[in-house]
Protein backbone atom coordinates (compact mmCIF):
# COMPACT_ATOMS: atom_id res chain seq x y z
CA UNK A 1 -10.62 -7.44 24.47
CA UNK A 2 -9.39 -10.90 25.41
CA UNK A 3 -5.81 -11.61 26.62
CA UNK A 4 -5.00 -13.02 23.20
CA UNK A 5 -6.35 -9.95 21.39
CA UNK A 6 -4.51 -7.64 23.77
CA UNK A 7 -1.23 -9.42 23.26
CA UNK A 8 -1.74 -9.41 19.43
CA UNK A 9 -2.44 -5.62 19.47
CA UNK A 10 0.58 -4.96 21.60
CA UNK A 11 2.73 -6.97 19.16
CA UNK A 12 1.29 -5.08 16.21
CA UNK A 13 2.16 -1.83 17.73
CA UNK A 14 5.69 -2.88 18.67
CA UNK A 15 6.34 -4.14 15.12
CA UNK A 16 5.03 -0.84 13.74
CA UNK A 17 7.26 1.21 16.08
CA UNK A 18 10.21 -0.88 14.93
CA UNK A 19 9.57 0.31 11.34
CA UNK A 20 8.28 -3.12 10.05
CA UNK A 21 6.28 -2.53 6.91
CA UNK A 22 2.51 -2.79 7.21
CA UNK A 23 2.38 -5.44 4.62
CA UNK A 24 4.76 -7.67 6.64
CA UNK A 25 2.79 -7.07 9.84
CA UNK A 26 -0.31 -8.21 7.97
CA UNK A 27 1.36 -11.41 6.96
CA UNK A 28 2.50 -12.14 10.45
CA UNK A 29 -0.92 -11.68 11.86
CA UNK A 30 -2.58 -13.62 9.08
CA UNK A 31 -0.15 -16.53 9.74
CA UNK A 32 -1.32 -16.67 13.34
CA UNK A 33 2.00 -15.67 14.82
CA UNK A 34 0.74 -13.05 17.25
CA UNK A 35 -1.03 -13.26 20.59
CA UNK A 36 -0.77 -15.89 23.36
CA UNK A 37 1.00 -18.92 21.94
CA UNK A 38 -1.56 -21.41 23.14
CA UNK A 39 -4.46 -19.48 21.52
CA UNK A 40 -2.95 -18.36 18.24
CA UNK A 41 -5.11 -18.73 15.12
CA UNK A 42 -4.83 -18.22 11.41
CA UNK A 43 -6.49 -14.94 10.43
CA UNK A 44 -8.05 -14.29 6.95
CA UNK A 45 -5.99 -11.84 5.04
CA UNK A 46 -8.73 -9.23 4.69
CA UNK A 47 -9.38 -9.35 8.41
CA UNK A 48 -5.70 -9.08 9.22
CA UNK A 49 -5.21 -5.97 7.08
CA UNK A 50 -8.11 -4.18 8.70
CA UNK A 51 -7.11 -5.25 12.23
CA UNK A 52 -3.64 -3.92 11.67
CA UNK A 53 -4.81 -0.57 10.17
CA UNK A 54 -7.45 -0.18 12.96
CA UNK A 55 -5.11 -0.97 15.85
CA UNK A 56 -2.28 1.33 14.66
CA UNK A 57 -4.52 4.33 13.76
CA UNK A 58 -6.41 4.02 17.11
CA UNK A 59 -3.10 4.11 18.93
CA UNK A 60 -1.85 7.15 17.07
CA UNK A 61 -5.13 8.98 17.62
CA UNK A 62 -4.73 8.66 21.43
CA UNK A 63 -1.99 11.30 21.13
CA UNK A 64 -3.44 13.25 18.16
CA UNK A 65 -6.54 14.18 20.09
CA UNK A 66 -4.31 16.26 22.41
CA UNK A 67 -2.54 18.22 19.66
CA UNK A 68 -3.51 21.72 18.60
CA UNK A 69 -5.77 22.12 15.58
CA UNK A 70 -4.53 23.06 12.18
CA UNK A 71 -5.16 26.77 11.47
CA UNK A 72 -6.05 26.63 7.80
CA UNK A 73 -7.99 24.54 5.31
CA UNK A 74 -5.78 22.02 3.48
CA UNK A 75 -6.45 19.88 0.39
CA UNK A 76 -4.51 16.84 -0.79
CA UNK A 77 -5.13 14.60 -3.75
CA UNK A 78 -3.81 11.45 -5.34
CA UNK A 79 -4.88 8.73 -7.82
CA UNK A 80 -4.11 5.12 -8.67
CA UNK A 81 -5.83 2.86 -11.23
CA UNK A 82 -9.15 4.57 -11.21
CA UNK A 83 -9.25 5.44 -7.54
CA UNK A 84 -9.03 9.21 -7.17
CA UNK A 85 -8.87 10.93 -3.72
CA UNK A 86 -9.50 14.49 -2.70
CA UNK A 87 -8.77 14.86 1.03
CA UNK A 88 -9.99 17.92 2.91
CA UNK A 89 -8.43 18.82 6.31
CA UNK A 90 -10.41 21.44 8.20
CA UNK A 91 -9.32 23.42 11.24
CA UNK A 92 -11.32 21.75 14.05
CA UNK A 93 -11.22 18.89 16.49
CA UNK A 94 -10.44 15.47 15.14
CA UNK A 95 -13.21 13.77 13.23
CA UNK A 96 -13.08 11.62 10.12
CA UNK A 97 -15.32 10.75 7.19
CA UNK A 98 -14.95 8.70 4.00
CA UNK A 99 -17.36 9.21 1.17
CA UNK A 100 -16.97 6.93 -1.83
CA UNK A 101 -18.74 7.51 -5.16
CA UNK A 102 -18.48 4.65 -7.57
CA UNK A 103 -19.21 5.52 -11.21
CA UNK A 104 -21.21 3.13 -13.43
CA UNK A 105 -18.94 0.54 -14.90
CA UNK A 106 -16.47 0.45 -12.00
CA UNK A 107 -15.63 -2.71 -10.16
CA UNK A 108 -18.66 -2.71 -7.74
CA UNK A 109 -21.13 -0.74 -9.72
CA UNK A 110 -22.71 -1.98 -12.97
CA UNK A 111 -26.28 -0.86 -12.28
CA UNK A 112 -26.57 2.66 -10.79
CA UNK A 113 -25.34 5.85 -12.39
CA UNK A 114 -23.45 6.54 -9.18
CA UNK A 115 -23.24 4.39 -6.02
CA UNK A 116 -22.50 6.13 -2.71
CA UNK A 117 -21.04 4.66 0.38
CA UNK A 118 -19.99 6.58 3.52
CA UNK A 119 -18.89 6.12 7.07
CA UNK A 120 -17.71 8.69 9.71
CA UNK A 121 -16.71 9.18 13.23
CA UNK A 122 -16.67 12.21 15.59
CA UNK A 123 -13.97 13.07 18.14
CA UNK A 124 -14.27 9.99 20.30
CA UNK A 125 -14.28 7.51 17.43
CA UNK A 126 -16.86 4.85 16.46
CA UNK A 127 -17.87 1.73 18.30
CA UNK A 128 -19.27 -0.18 15.31
CA UNK A 129 -17.57 -1.46 12.20
CA UNK A 130 -17.62 0.81 9.18
CA UNK A 131 -19.95 -1.46 7.27
CA UNK A 132 -20.34 0.69 4.11
CA UNK A 133 -16.86 1.68 3.33
CA UNK A 134 -15.46 -1.40 5.13
CA UNK A 135 -11.68 -2.00 5.06
CA UNK A 136 -10.86 1.12 3.08
CA UNK A 137 -12.13 3.22 5.94
CA UNK A 138 -9.39 1.91 8.27
CA UNK A 139 -6.73 2.03 5.58
CA UNK A 140 -7.54 5.70 4.94
CA UNK A 141 -7.65 6.50 8.65
CA UNK A 142 -4.15 5.12 9.16
CA UNK A 143 -2.77 7.33 6.40
CA UNK A 144 -4.49 10.31 8.02
CA UNK A 145 -3.24 9.47 11.57
CA UNK A 146 0.32 9.10 10.29
CA UNK A 147 0.23 12.55 8.74
CA UNK A 148 -1.35 14.26 11.76
CA UNK A 149 1.16 12.60 14.05
CA UNK A 150 3.98 13.83 11.76
CA UNK A 151 2.80 17.40 11.86
CA UNK A 152 1.73 17.15 15.54
CA UNK A 153 -1.79 18.64 14.78
CA UNK A 154 -5.42 17.40 14.82
CA UNK A 155 -8.06 18.22 12.17
CA UNK A 156 -11.42 17.27 10.81
CA UNK A 157 -10.76 15.11 7.75
CA UNK A 158 -13.02 14.29 4.78
CA UNK A 159 -11.90 11.78 2.24
CA UNK A 160 -13.67 11.92 -1.14
CA UNK A 161 -12.96 8.77 -3.18
CA UNK A 162 -14.17 8.72 -6.81
CA UNK A 163 -13.98 5.28 -8.42
CA UNK A 164 -13.98 5.25 -12.24
CA UNK A 165 -14.44 2.32 -14.67
CA UNK A 166 -10.65 2.09 -14.89
CA UNK A 167 -10.88 0.23 -11.54
CA UNK A 168 -12.14 -3.04 -13.01
CA UNK A 169 -10.34 -5.70 -10.89
CA UNK A 170 -10.10 -5.96 -7.05
CA UNK A 171 -6.60 -5.00 -5.85
CA UNK A 172 -7.26 -4.92 -2.13
CA UNK A 173 -7.51 -2.10 0.36
CA UNK A 174 -3.78 -1.95 0.74
CA UNK A 175 -3.50 0.07 -2.47
CA UNK A 176 -5.91 2.60 -0.98
CA UNK A 177 -3.79 3.04 2.11
CA UNK A 178 -0.73 3.62 -0.06
CA UNK A 179 -2.59 5.94 -2.42
CA UNK A 180 -3.67 8.14 0.45
CA UNK A 181 -0.31 7.94 2.11
CA UNK A 182 1.16 9.22 -1.17
CA UNK A 183 -1.29 12.16 -1.09
CA UNK A 184 0.15 13.31 2.26
CA UNK A 185 3.71 13.15 0.92
CA UNK A 186 2.95 16.28 -1.19
CA UNK A 187 2.41 19.76 0.15
CA UNK A 188 -1.24 20.48 0.66
CA UNK A 189 -3.05 23.34 -1.05
CA UNK A 190 -4.08 26.00 1.39
CA UNK A 191 -7.41 27.77 1.42
CA UNK A 192 -9.46 30.26 3.44
CA UNK A 193 -12.99 29.03 2.78
CA UNK A 194 -14.91 25.82 2.06
CA UNK A 195 -16.04 27.19 -1.30
CA UNK A 196 -12.44 27.76 -2.38
CA UNK A 197 -11.28 24.25 -1.40
CA UNK A 198 -14.24 22.65 -3.10
CA UNK A 199 -13.69 24.64 -6.22
CA UNK A 200 -10.19 23.29 -6.38
CA UNK A 201 -11.21 19.73 -5.78
CA UNK A 202 -13.89 19.75 -8.48
CA UNK A 203 -11.27 20.54 -11.19
CA UNK A 204 -9.95 16.99 -10.75
CA UNK A 205 -13.15 15.14 -10.17
CA UNK A 206 -15.15 13.59 -13.03
CA UNK A 207 -18.40 13.73 -11.00
CA UNK A 208 -19.86 16.96 -9.69
CA UNK A 209 -18.46 17.78 -6.25
CA UNK A 210 -22.05 18.06 -5.05
CA UNK A 211 -22.31 14.33 -5.29
CA UNK A 212 -20.04 14.21 -2.29
CA UNK A 213 -20.94 17.41 -0.38
CA UNK A 214 -24.60 16.57 -0.18
CA UNK A 215 -23.69 13.36 1.55
CA UNK A 216 -21.19 14.70 4.00
CA UNK A 217 -22.18 14.72 7.70
CA UNK A 218 -18.92 16.52 8.72
CA UNK A 219 -19.33 19.39 6.22
CA UNK A 220 -22.81 20.01 7.64
CA UNK A 221 -21.41 20.14 11.13
CA UNK A 222 -18.31 22.21 10.36
CA UNK A 223 -18.45 25.62 11.84
CA UNK A 224 -21.66 25.20 13.72
CA UNK A 225 -20.14 25.26 17.19
CA UNK A 226 -18.66 28.53 18.26
CA UNK A 227 -15.14 28.52 19.65
CA UNK A 228 -13.91 30.62 22.55
CA UNK A 229 -11.51 32.34 20.21
CA UNK A 230 -14.48 33.78 18.22
CA UNK A 231 -15.08 36.21 21.12
CA UNK A 232 -11.48 37.68 21.27
């Protein structure tokens, strides 16, 4: 990270701590007003949005990784103009996955019956850009990190995004951040098993829930590693 980038990240975090709205931080970064004064540059809006979401969520996760795990399975959901989310939180160490299923006739899919995109990270995060889900990945991760910081817990999180033909015009990843933020404002449903939580999720999905579960890396990994508490 260059000195300019480090200064910009520090400024982003300070603005966030000062309760400045994310949209305003995006505008400030995009206008080239952050970083070392002699090296400031204009930043394309899309890049600015992702940079802000990424920087803030990474900073929050530094603390979240030391919090205790949640002790039950939680399910949250929300929807906005054809973007429907089912968000699973599982009792385990932090990890994060976004699976997007775009139905035929939606904004980015006019060919396939269903188009699937996914990206994920394990406990220590990822080193490469989320090149399938792209900016939505970081917008969703920020919403998650804010919630986990609020409850002072960590969890394995799986975001299922179903995109219907209602989503016919690009509205930007900011709406996805706010849609998932809204999901976490409501009390989550509580479940004892994966089957139970998926049964609830599928009542709101138009596509079969198997479209998502067969693609999930984290669901395949969940429960494989024994914990020390299993022996007491």
